[in-house]
Amino acid sequence: MPFHHPPGRARQLLALADRYFDVLVVGGGINGAGIARDAARRGLVVALVERDDFASGTSSRSSRLIHGGVRYLEHGYLHLVLEASRERRRLLALAPHLVRPLRFTWPVYKGARISRLELLAGLTLYDALALFRNVGAHRPLGPHGVLEREPELNRAHLRGGATYWDAATDDSRLTIANVIDASEHSATVVNHAEVTALTSGSAGGAIDGAIVRDRRSPGGADITVRARLVINAAGPWSDSISRLEDPAARAAVRGTKGVHVAVPADRVGNVGAVTMLSPDDGRVMFTLPAGRFTIIGTTDTPTDETPEEVRASRADVRYLLAACNRFFPAAKLTEDDVVSAWAGIRPLAAAKNAGKDTPTSASREHAITLSARGVLTVTGGKLTTFREMSEQVVDAAVAALGAKVRPCDTTDAPLPGERPPAHGDDVRLVPGLDWREADVAHAARNEFAVSIADVLVRRTLLAFETRDHGLGVAPRVAAQMGALLGWTAAGTAAAVEEYEREVARIFTIND
């Protein structure tokens, strides 16, 4: 398939002002991107706007897993496991360049909260809920079998375990693939464009659009966007969009913080993915392979931090390292081993979680609501089931509009988003890492990247895989982007300064 060359950003901004849209989707994370894609493929006239960059919030801070929800079994969310298993199977077929099978080893130790028999019963149910069409069937293991697969695991009091299958992804690129496909089906998509107000024909009347501020223009130019229906898919920012409609609106999102750390893979010695029970509180967490790195995560704690400022704390990092060290005792990880640490906010649907005692027991179900003034809001959900959730949101939008559209086809339509093939003359951005100057050019030309962070944090993973988070290569990337996008010398220098602030915002570890 030839690489997509989307309309330039200036043309997209003009289209925002000139077109009359069926739906305006607010929020360019995985949910908003999936909704825009589904709606555009059905023939609706679609606009998608995102205040920062596509996938810049929760959708670039996940465990990078497309999972069937094995953790949900012990809380009785069997329908979520069934749904997640079905969607995982679809994504493996529709986006093999973005979603790949991943085998997990789950060791069980003496006195563990989940015994070996309970684990095997749960994994048997897990495979059954996948209609025995899982990526691969689980396999019981004795102590020797566990250590054969993961020889660096703690041997003391090991009772055995099992292997089972899930899938891994690049969360940011999965989001971008949906945005690209929406654009290829005539959606107008603009990142770095913030909704500052919702509009209506009369005070208290039906919402008929929004004021959108272009955050990349000097002074921030405002654009009036007209739409028959506004869809609020802003994730952890959903409540702030709802309050533009009704300042007294009750909170619909319950946020919890998830933190991950990346360390050099050779410091841990894991062969593949390992499921762990935290020695501190017993929650399920993972040690995950990521090329030259190992990702350890995640935490699940209530937070009052804003999505813009949420960061890992030293206590979060110590919690994750302690768990990994318990399972891999030779690692002896310290904070000095951490290459990067990041945090995201899970936007759990408050309506689905009234009375839930802990974040771990909270439901990952989503909620779709239509307000009195006609704004359609989706909250909750998870990365794995974004496609089905998007289908349901667009179904609700079509009903609200009374529109006649084509049937949903995202169950069978492959996703785009392949990286450009590497050539012998491609220059690596950092020695030893598989990110090249060709990736920068491709991101700027074809993937809506307009800042250094767009490229180094979300179109590639370079910021997560270097101790300086790409600061050393930022001037070189800025020069390349500046030549492609027509930046002045002052604009190129400003882009580097902006990136320094973004790195501090995302990767600083709080005391």
Protein backbone atom coordinates (compact mmCIF):
# COMPACT_ATOMS: atom_id res chain seq x y z
CA MET A 1 0.00 0.00 0.00
CA PRO A 2 1.50 3.43 -0.89
CA PHE A 3 2.25 5.77 1.98
CA HIS A 4 -0.54 8.22 2.68
CA HIS A 5 0.17 11.92 2.15
CA PRO A 6 -2.52 13.72 4.17
CA PRO A 7 -3.61 17.26 3.43
CA GLY A 8 -1.29 19.83 4.96
CA ARG A 9 -2.16 21.24 8.35
CA ALA A 10 -3.13 24.62 6.92
CA ARG A 11 -5.69 22.94 4.64
CA GLN A 12 -7.05 20.91 7.53
CA LEU A 13 -7.53 24.09 9.57
CA LEU A 14 -9.32 25.76 6.66
CA ALA A 15 -11.58 22.72 6.36
CA LEU A 16 -12.41 22.98 10.07
CA ALA A 17 -13.69 26.50 9.51
CA ASP A 18 -15.39 25.94 6.14
CA ARG A 19 -17.12 22.55 6.35
CA TYR A 20 -20.36 21.68 8.12
CA PHE A 21 -19.71 18.41 9.94
CA ASP A 22 -22.01 15.62 10.95
CA VAL A 23 -19.83 14.92 13.98
CA LEU A 24 -17.04 16.76 15.75
CA VAL A 25 -14.98 14.32 17.82
CA VAL A 26 -13.14 15.96 20.71
CA GLY A 27 -10.09 13.99 21.87
CA GLY A 28 -7.45 12.25 19.77
CA GLY A 29 -6.57 9.31 21.98
CA ILE A 30 -7.35 5.75 20.93
CA ASN A 31 -11.09 6.18 21.55
CA GLY A 32 -11.48 9.44 19.66
CA ALA A 33 -9.30 8.16 16.81
CA GLY A 34 -11.30 4.93 16.61
CA ILE A 35 -14.61 6.82 16.64
CA ALA A 36 -13.46 9.20 13.90
CA ARG A 37 -12.30 6.27 11.78
CA ASP A 38 -15.54 4.32 12.19
CA ALA A 39 -17.73 7.36 11.52
CA ALA A 40 -15.75 8.41 8.44
CA ARG A 41 -15.81 4.91 6.99
CA ARG A 42 -19.62 4.89 7.35
CA GLY A 43 -19.86 8.07 5.26
CA LEU A 44 -20.38 10.72 7.93
CA VAL A 45 -18.64 14.08 7.56
CA VAL A 46 -16.17 13.99 10.45
CA ALA A 47 -13.83 16.35 12.25
CA LEU A 48 -11.36 15.16 14.91
CA VAL A 49 -9.54 17.66 17.12
CA GLU A 50 -6.97 17.05 19.84
CA ARG A 51 -5.59 19.71 22.22
CA ASP A 52 -2.08 18.26 22.21
CA ASP A 53 -0.95 15.47 19.88
CA PHE A 54 -2.78 12.32 18.92
CA ALA A 55 -2.17 9.68 21.64
CA SER A 56 -0.45 12.26 23.85
CA GLY A 57 -2.38 11.33 27.01
CA THR A 58 -3.23 7.89 28.33
CA SER A 59 -2.89 6.31 24.87
CA SER A 60 0.90 6.67 24.91
CA ARG A 61 1.38 5.72 28.58
CA SER A 62 -0.05 2.18 28.68
CA SER A 63 1.51 -1.27 29.21
CA ARG A 64 1.43 -1.62 25.39
CA LEU A 65 -0.67 -4.76 25.66
CA ILE A 66 -3.66 -5.99 23.71
CA HIS A 67 -4.86 -8.42 26.32
CA GLY A 68 -7.82 -10.67 26.89
CA GLY A 69 -8.22 -9.44 30.45
CA VAL A 70 -6.94 -12.37 32.50
CA ARG A 71 -6.76 -9.97 35.47
CA TYR A 72 -10.51 -9.38 35.27
CA LEU A 73 -11.38 -13.03 35.92
CA GLU A 74 -10.95 -12.88 39.69
CA HIS A 75 -13.35 -9.92 39.89
CA GLY A 76 -16.02 -11.74 37.88
CA TYR A 77 -15.92 -9.53 34.78
CA LEU A 78 -16.38 -12.50 32.44
CA HIS A 79 -18.16 -10.45 29.78
CA LEU A 80 -15.14 -8.12 29.60
CA VAL A 81 -12.84 -11.09 29.07
CA LEU A 82 -15.08 -12.42 26.31
CA GLU A 83 -15.17 -9.01 24.61
CA ALA A 84 -11.43 -8.40 25.01
CA SER A 85 -10.52 -11.85 23.68
CA ARG A 86 -12.67 -11.31 20.59
CA GLU A 87 -11.18 -7.87 19.91
CA ARG A 88 -7.63 -9.09 20.48
CA ARG A 89 -8.21 -11.79 17.84
CA ARG A 90 -9.50 -9.15 15.41
CA LEU A 91 -6.56 -6.80 15.94
CA LEU A 92 -4.03 -9.58 15.45
CA ALA A 93 -5.63 -10.20 12.04
CA LEU A 94 -6.26 -6.59 11.01
CA ALA A 95 -3.03 -4.98 12.23
CA PRO A 96 -0.24 -7.61 12.31
CA HIS A 97 2.31 -4.82 11.82
CA LEU A 98 1.12 -3.24 15.10
CA VAL A 99 -0.17 -6.15 17.20
CA ARG A 100 1.88 -9.31 17.72
CA PRO A 101 1.41 -12.44 19.86
CA LEU A 102 3.19 -12.46 23.24
CA ARG A 103 3.61 -15.48 25.51
CA PHE A 104 3.52 -14.94 29.26
CA THR A 105 4.97 -17.08 32.03
CA TRP A 106 3.13 -16.93 35.37
CA PRO A 107 5.21 -18.42 38.22
CA VAL A 108 3.47 -19.44 41.43
CA TYR A 109 5.26 -19.40 44.79
CA LYS A 110 4.40 -20.88 48.16
CA GLY A 111 1.79 -18.74 49.90
CA ALA A 112 0.88 -16.75 46.78
CA ARG A 113 -2.51 -15.03 46.76
CA ILE A 114 -3.44 -17.08 43.67
CA SER A 115 -2.51 -20.75 44.03
CA ARG A 116 -1.36 -22.95 41.17
CA LEU A 117 -4.71 -24.76 41.05
CA GLU A 118 -6.60 -21.45 41.01
CA LEU A 119 -4.31 -20.19 38.26
CA LEU A 120 -4.84 -23.25 36.07
CA ALA A 121 -8.61 -23.12 36.61
CA GLY A 122 -8.60 -19.43 35.68
CA LEU A 123 -6.51 -19.96 32.54
CA THR A 124 -8.77 -22.82 31.46
CA LEU A 125 -11.72 -20.41 31.77
CA TYR A 126 -9.65 -17.76 29.97
CA ASP A 127 -9.14 -20.04 26.98
CA ALA A 128 -12.81 -21.09 27.06
CA LEU A 129 -13.99 -17.46 27.01
CA ALA A 130 -11.80 -17.00 23.94
CA LEU A 131 -13.88 -19.84 22.46
CA PHE A 132 -10.66 -21.89 22.42
CA ARG A 133 -9.39 -19.60 19.68
CA ASN A 134 -6.86 -17.88 21.90
CA VAL A 135 -3.50 -16.91 20.43
CA GLY A 136 -2.31 -20.18 21.93
CA ALA A 137 -3.57 -22.51 24.64
CA HIS A 138 -2.23 -22.18 28.18
CA ARG A 139 0.20 -24.83 29.38
CA PRO A 140 0.69 -25.98 32.97
CA LEU A 141 4.30 -25.97 34.17
CA GLY A 142 6.09 -27.55 37.09
CA PRO A 143 8.98 -25.72 38.80
CA HIS A 144 11.48 -27.12 36.29
CA GLY A 145 9.30 -26.03 33.34
CA VAL A 146 8.99 -22.50 34.71
CA LEU A 147 12.76 -22.19 35.13
CA GLU A 148 13.35 -23.69 31.70
CA ARG A 149 11.40 -20.79 30.24
CA GLU A 150 12.67 -18.10 32.63
CA PRO A 151 15.95 -19.27 34.21
CA GLU A 152 16.55 -16.01 36.11
CA LEU A 153 13.35 -16.29 38.14
CA ASN A 154 13.56 -16.77 41.90
CA ARG A 155 13.86 -20.51 42.63
CA ALA A 156 13.01 -20.37 46.33
CA HIS A 157 9.58 -21.79 47.18
CA LEU A 158 8.60 -22.02 43.49
CA ARG A 159 5.60 -24.32 43.14
CA GLY A 160 5.23 -24.25 39.34
CA GLY A 161 3.07 -22.08 37.14
CA ALA A 162 1.84 -21.82 33.58
CA THR A 163 2.28 -20.12 30.25
CA TYR A 164 -0.54 -18.32 28.44
CA TRP A 165 -0.88 -15.97 25.48
CA ASP A 166 -1.81 -12.35 24.94
CA ALA A 167 -0.54 -9.71 22.51
CA ALA A 168 1.68 -6.63 22.51
CA THR A 169 1.36 -3.38 20.57
CA ASP A 170 2.78 0.09 20.11
CA ASP A 171 -0.07 2.07 21.68
CA SER A 172 0.79 5.41 20.06
CA ARG A 173 1.19 3.96 16.59
CA LEU A 174 -2.07 2.04 16.93
CA THR A 175 -3.77 5.37 17.65
CA ILE A 176 -2.04 7.10 14.73
CA ALA A 177 -3.09 4.27 12.40
CA ASN A 178 -6.73 4.99 13.23
CA VAL A 179 -6.21 8.71 12.61
CA ILE A 180 -4.57 8.01 9.25
CA ASP A 181 -7.43 5.76 8.18
CA ALA A 182 -9.98 8.38 9.26
CA SER A 183 -8.13 10.96 7.16
CA GLU A 184 -8.00 8.60 4.18
CA HIS A 185 -11.79 8.42 4.41
CA SER A 186 -12.14 12.21 4.24
CA ALA A 187 -12.16 13.09 7.95
CA THR A 188 -10.64 16.44 8.85
CA VAL A 189 -8.08 15.71 11.59
CA VAL A 190 -6.13 18.36 13.49
CA ASN A 191 -3.82 17.91 16.46
CA HIS A 192 -2.66 20.73 18.75
CA ALA A 193 -6.16 22.22 18.42
CA GLU A 194 -7.97 22.81 21.72
CA VAL A 195 -11.72 23.10 22.25
CA THR A 196 -12.16 26.20 24.42
CA ALA A 197 -15.95 26.54 24.21
CA LEU A 198 -19.04 24.73 22.96
CA THR A 199 -21.48 26.76 20.87
CA SER A 200 -25.26 26.86 20.58
CA GLY A 201 -27.83 28.94 18.74
CA SER A 202 -29.35 30.19 22.00
CA ALA A 203 -28.56 30.22 25.69
CA GLY A 204 -29.09 26.73 27.00
CA GLY A 205 -29.99 25.46 23.52
CA ALA A 206 -28.67 22.44 21.67
CA ILE A 207 -24.89 22.33 21.15
CA ASP A 208 -24.09 22.97 17.49
CA GLY A 209 -20.30 23.09 17.42
CA ALA A 210 -17.26 24.42 19.22
CA ILE A 211 -14.61 27.11 19.31
CA VAL A 212 -11.26 25.49 18.56
CA ARG A 213 -7.96 27.22 19.25
CA ASP A 214 -4.98 26.40 17.04
CA ARG A 215 -2.17 26.06 19.59
CA ARG A 216 0.55 26.08 16.91
CA SER A 217 -0.21 29.53 15.57
CA PRO A 218 1.16 32.71 17.17
CA GLY A 219 -1.33 33.93 19.73
CA GLY A 220 -3.58 30.91 19.17
CA ALA A 221 -6.09 31.57 16.39
CA ASP A 222 -9.71 30.66 17.16
CA ILE A 223 -11.85 28.71 14.69
CA THR A 224 -15.60 28.22 14.86
CA VAL A 225 -16.42 24.62 13.98
CA ARG A 226 -20.03 23.81 13.07
CA ALA A 227 -21.31 20.29 13.69
CA ARG A 228 -24.64 18.52 14.03
CA LEU A 229 -23.26 16.48 16.92
CA VAL A 230 -20.30 16.85 19.28
CA ILE A 231 -18.75 13.65 20.65
CA ASN A 232 -16.74 14.02 23.84
CA ALA A 233 -14.00 11.38 23.76
CA ALA A 234 -11.43 13.31 25.75
CA GLY A 235 -10.57 10.49 28.16
CA PRO A 236 -9.25 11.90 31.45
CA TRP A 237 -10.17 15.38 30.18
CA SER A 238 -13.82 14.39 29.54
CA ASP A 239 -15.16 16.18 32.59
CA SER A 240 -13.53 19.48 31.53
CA ILE A 241 -15.29 19.25 28.14
CA SER A 242 -18.61 18.41 29.83
CA ARG A 243 -18.25 21.52 32.01
CA LEU A 244 -17.99 23.69 28.91
CA GLU A 245 -21.58 22.59 28.28
CA ASP A 246 -22.70 22.67 31.94
CA PRO A 247 -20.37 24.16 34.58
CA ALA A 248 -22.26 22.18 37.25
CA ALA A 249 -21.88 18.82 35.50
CA ARG A 250 -21.03 15.97 37.86
CA ALA A 251 -17.76 14.12 37.39
CA ALA A 252 -18.14 11.19 35.00
CA VAL A 253 -14.51 10.04 35.19
CA ARG A 254 -12.72 8.35 38.07
CA GLY A 255 -9.00 8.57 37.47
CA THR A 256 -6.32 6.16 38.66
CA LYS A 257 -2.59 6.48 38.01
CA GLY A 258 -0.61 3.79 36.22
CA VAL A 259 3.19 4.01 36.28
CA HIS A 260 5.74 2.06 34.24
CA VAL A 261 9.53 2.01 34.22
CA ALA A 262 11.95 0.86 31.53
CA VAL A 263 15.30 -0.69 32.45
CA PRO A 264 17.97 -2.40 30.33
CA ALA A 265 16.80 -5.92 29.50
CA ASP A 266 20.15 -7.48 30.38
CA ARG A 267 19.81 -6.19 33.95
CA VAL A 268 16.68 -8.29 34.48
CA GLY A 269 17.33 -11.30 32.30
CA ASN A 270 13.70 -12.08 31.46
CA VAL A 271 13.35 -14.13 28.30
CA GLY A 272 9.73 -13.14 27.65
CA ALA A 273 6.79 -11.63 29.47
CA VAL A 274 6.33 -12.58 33.13
CA THR A 275 3.19 -12.09 35.20
CA MET A 276 3.93 -11.19 38.82
CA LEU A 277 1.92 -10.67 42.00
CA SER A 278 3.26 -7.63 43.82
CA PRO A 279 4.91 -8.60 47.11
CA ASP A 280 3.53 -5.39 48.63
CA ASP A 281 -0.19 -5.63 47.84
CA GLY A 282 -0.69 -8.76 45.71
CA ARG A 283 -1.91 -6.97 42.58
CA VAL A 284 -1.17 -8.43 39.16
CA MET A 285 1.68 -6.71 37.32
CA PHE A 286 4.12 -7.54 34.54
CA THR A 287 7.72 -7.67 33.44
CA LEU A 288 7.57 -7.18 29.68
CA PRO A 289 10.16 -7.53 26.89
CA ALA A 290 10.66 -4.40 24.79
CA GLY A 291 13.67 -4.92 22.53
CA ARG A 292 16.80 -3.87 24.40
CA PHE A 293 14.63 -2.91 27.37
CA THR A 294 12.35 -4.45 29.94
CA ILE A 295 9.19 -2.63 30.99
CA ILE A 296 7.92 -3.13 34.54
CA GLY A 297 4.38 -2.09 35.37
CA THR A 298 1.95 -1.06 36.42
CA THR A 299 0.71 0.70 39.52
CA ASP A 300 -2.99 1.38 40.06
CA THR A 301 -3.58 4.14 42.59
CA PRO A 302 -6.22 6.88 42.99
CA THR A 303 -4.92 10.30 42.00
CA ASP A 304 -5.96 13.93 42.03
CA GLU A 305 -3.16 14.91 39.64
CA THR A 306 -4.23 16.55 36.41
CA PRO A 307 -3.64 14.58 33.20
CA GLU A 308 -1.24 17.27 32.02
CA GLU A 309 1.02 17.00 35.06
CA VAL A 310 0.78 13.36 36.16
CA ARG A 311 4.23 11.82 36.66
CA ALA A 312 5.88 8.84 38.29
CA SER A 313 6.98 9.35 41.88
CA ARG A 314 10.01 7.81 43.55
CA ALA A 315 7.63 5.72 45.66
CA ASP A 316 6.02 4.41 42.45
CA VAL A 317 9.42 3.52 41.01
CA ARG A 318 10.54 1.78 44.22
CA TYR A 319 7.30 -0.24 44.27
CA LEU A 320 7.88 -1.51 40.72
CA LEU A 321 11.58 -2.25 41.21
CA ALA A 322 10.90 -4.10 44.48
CA ALA A 323 8.47 -6.43 42.74
CA CYS A 324 10.86 -7.16 39.89
CA ASN A 325 13.75 -7.75 42.31
CA ARG A 326 11.66 -10.22 44.30
CA PHE A 327 10.97 -12.27 41.16
CA PHE A 328 14.41 -11.74 39.56
CA PRO A 329 16.76 -11.63 42.59
CA ALA A 330 19.97 -11.42 40.58
CA ALA A 331 18.79 -8.16 38.97
CA LYS A 332 19.24 -6.07 42.14
CA LEU A 333 17.68 -3.12 40.33
CA THR A 334 18.09 0.35 41.78
CA GLU A 335 16.77 3.73 40.67
CA ASP A 336 20.03 4.23 38.77
CA ASP A 337 18.98 1.42 36.39
CA VAL A 338 15.81 3.25 35.32
CA VAL A 339 16.13 4.53 31.76
CA SER A 340 12.68 6.13 31.80
CA ALA A 341 9.59 6.26 34.00
CA TRP A 342 6.18 7.49 32.92
CA ALA A 343 2.65 7.77 34.23
CA GLY A 344 -0.82 7.91 32.73
CA ILE A 345 -4.33 8.30 34.08
CA ARG A 346 -6.90 5.58 33.44
CA PRO A 347 -10.22 7.35 32.78
CA LEU A 348 -12.55 4.85 34.46
CA ALA A 349 -16.28 5.43 34.09
CA ALA A 350 -17.51 6.72 37.46
CA ALA A 351 -21.04 5.45 36.76
CA LYS A 352 -19.73 1.91 36.37
CA ASN A 353 -17.65 2.04 39.55
CA ALA A 354 -19.90 3.39 42.28
CA GLY A 355 -19.18 1.45 45.43
CA LYS A 356 -16.04 -0.30 44.14
CA ASP A 357 -13.54 -0.53 47.00
CA THR A 358 -10.22 -0.34 45.17
CA PRO A 359 -8.84 0.75 41.80
CA THR A 360 -7.82 -2.86 41.12
CA SER A 361 -11.41 -4.08 41.51
CA ALA A 362 -12.81 -1.21 39.43
CA SER A 363 -14.51 -2.11 36.18
CA ARG A 364 -12.88 -1.21 32.85
CA GLU A 365 -16.34 -1.02 31.25
CA HIS A 366 -17.27 2.09 29.31
CA ALA A 367 -20.32 4.31 29.49
CA ILE A 368 -21.99 6.21 26.61
CA THR A 369 -24.35 9.06 27.52
CA LEU A 370 -26.26 11.73 25.56
CA SER A 371 -26.70 15.01 27.45
CA ALA A 372 -29.83 17.16 27.47
CA ARG A 373 -28.13 19.57 25.07
CA GLY A 374 -27.06 16.82 22.69
CA VAL A 375 -23.40 16.10 23.50
CA LEU A 376 -22.50 12.40 23.24
CA THR A 377 -19.88 11.41 25.83
CA VAL A 378 -17.95 8.17 26.17
CA THR A 379 -15.97 7.38 29.32
CA GLY A 380 -13.98 4.39 30.50
CA GLY A 381 -12.97 1.41 28.42
CA LYS A 382 -9.53 0.08 27.57
CA LEU A 383 -7.06 -0.03 24.72
CA THR A 384 -7.89 -3.60 23.70
CA THR A 385 -11.59 -2.96 23.07
CA PHE A 386 -11.37 0.49 21.48
CA ARG A 387 -12.75 -0.75 18.15
CA GLU A 388 -15.93 -2.24 19.56
CA MET A 389 -16.46 0.76 21.82
CA SER A 390 -16.03 3.06 18.82
CA GLU A 391 -18.64 1.08 16.90
CA GLN A 392 -21.11 1.49 19.75
CA VAL A 393 -20.47 5.23 20.01
CA VAL A 394 -21.00 5.72 16.28
CA ASP A 395 -24.17 3.62 16.46
CA ALA A 396 -25.41 6.04 19.15
CA ALA A 397 -24.35 9.03 17.04
CA VAL A 398 -26.20 7.72 13.97
CA ALA A 399 -29.33 7.21 16.09
CA ALA A 400 -29.07 10.73 17.52
CA LEU A 401 -28.62 12.22 14.04
CA GLY A 402 -31.27 10.08 12.41
CA ALA A 403 -28.76 9.53 9.62
CA LYS A 404 -28.64 6.86 6.93
CA VAL A 405 -25.10 5.53 6.67
CA ARG A 406 -23.13 2.58 5.42
CA PRO A 407 -22.79 -0.40 7.82
CA CYS A 408 -19.82 -0.53 10.17
CA ASP A 409 -16.93 -2.31 8.47
CA THR A 410 -14.13 -1.96 11.02
CA THR A 411 -14.56 -5.61 12.02
CA ASP A 412 -12.90 -6.55 8.73
CA ALA A 413 -11.01 -3.48 7.50
CA PRO A 414 -7.21 -3.67 7.98
CA LEU A 415 -5.45 -0.79 9.69
CA PRO A 416 -2.71 1.19 7.92
CA GLY A 417 0.34 2.64 9.64
CA GLU A 418 3.39 0.71 8.48
CA ARG A 419 6.80 2.24 9.14
CA PRO A 420 8.88 3.05 6.05
CA PRO A 421 11.19 0.16 5.06
CA ALA A 422 14.75 0.60 6.23
CA HIS A 423 17.45 1.19 3.62
CA GLY A 424 21.18 0.81 3.92
CA ASP A 425 21.72 4.57 3.72
CA ASP A 426 19.19 5.38 6.47
CA VAL A 427 20.97 7.16 9.30
CA ARG A 428 20.14 6.00 12.83
CA LEU A 429 19.15 8.76 15.21
CA VAL A 430 20.90 7.03 18.12
CA PRO A 431 23.46 4.22 17.69
CA GLY A 432 22.02 0.86 18.67
CA LEU A 433 18.36 1.90 18.45
CA ASP A 434 16.20 1.22 15.41
CA TRP A 435 14.95 4.79 14.89
CA ARG A 436 16.14 6.57 11.77
CA GLU A 437 16.01 9.89 9.99
CA ALA A 438 13.53 8.27 7.61
CA ASP A 439 11.12 7.90 10.54
CA VAL A 440 11.31 11.64 11.19
CA ALA A 441 10.56 12.48 7.57
CA HIS A 442 7.73 9.95 7.41
CA ALA A 443 6.17 11.28 10.62
CA ALA A 444 6.24 14.88 9.40
CA ARG A 445 4.98 14.12 5.90
CA ASN A 446 2.46 11.36 6.54
CA GLU A 447 1.60 11.11 10.24
CA PHE A 448 0.63 14.65 11.28
CA ALA A 449 3.75 15.24 13.40
CA VAL A 450 4.39 18.96 13.93
CA SER A 451 6.63 18.98 17.02
CA ILE A 452 9.73 17.13 18.18
CA ALA A 453 7.71 15.38 20.90
CA ASP A 454 5.24 14.19 18.28
CA VAL A 455 8.15 12.32 16.67
CA LEU A 456 10.36 11.24 19.56
CA VAL A 457 7.63 10.37 22.09
CA ARG A 458 4.76 9.12 19.91
CA ARG A 459 5.77 8.29 16.30
CA THR A 460 8.87 6.55 17.64
CA LEU A 461 9.73 5.34 21.15
CA LEU A 462 13.15 6.98 21.24
CA ALA A 463 12.28 9.20 24.22
CA PHE A 464 11.44 6.12 26.29
CA GLU A 465 14.62 4.30 25.26
CA THR A 466 17.34 6.86 26.01
CA ARG A 467 18.38 8.20 29.39
CA ASP A 468 18.24 11.79 28.14
CA HIS A 469 14.84 11.06 26.49
CA GLY A 470 16.11 12.26 23.13
CA LEU A 471 17.38 15.68 24.25
CA GLY A 472 20.76 15.03 22.65
CA VAL A 473 19.27 14.31 19.23
CA ALA A 474 16.52 16.96 19.44
CA PRO A 475 18.46 19.73 17.59
CA ARG A 476 19.12 17.33 14.70
CA VAL A 477 15.47 16.27 14.57
CA ALA A 478 14.41 19.93 14.74
CA ALA A 479 16.64 20.82 11.80
CA GLN A 480 15.20 17.98 9.72
CA MET A 481 11.61 18.83 10.63
CA GLY A 482 12.24 22.52 10.08
CA ALA A 483 13.43 21.87 6.54
CA LEU A 484 10.35 19.76 5.83
CA LEU A 485 7.78 22.00 7.48
CA GLY A 486 9.24 25.41 6.66
CA TRP A 487 10.35 26.52 10.13
CA THR A 488 12.48 29.61 10.52
CA ALA A 489 15.76 29.47 12.43
CA ALA A 490 14.01 31.01 15.41
CA GLY A 491 11.16 28.50 15.11
CA THR A 492 13.63 25.61 15.01
CA ALA A 493 15.34 26.85 18.17
CA ALA A 494 11.96 27.33 19.86
CA ALA A 495 11.01 23.75 18.95
CA VAL A 496 14.04 22.43 20.84
CA GLU A 497 13.15 24.53 23.89
CA GLU A 498 9.56 23.27 23.70
CA TYR A 499 10.83 19.70 23.63
CA GLU A 500 12.95 20.28 26.73
CA ARG A 501 9.79 21.35 28.57
CA GLU A 502 7.88 18.33 27.27
CA VAL A 503 10.58 15.92 28.47
CA ALA A 504 10.49 17.50 31.93
CA ARG A 505 6.69 17.28 31.98
CA ILE A 506 6.49 13.62 30.98
CA PHE A 507 9.61 11.97 32.38
CA THR A 508 10.57 13.84 35.56
CA ILE A 509 10.29 11.57 38.60
CA ASN A 510 8.65 13.40 41.51
CA ASP A 511 10.02 13.09 45.05
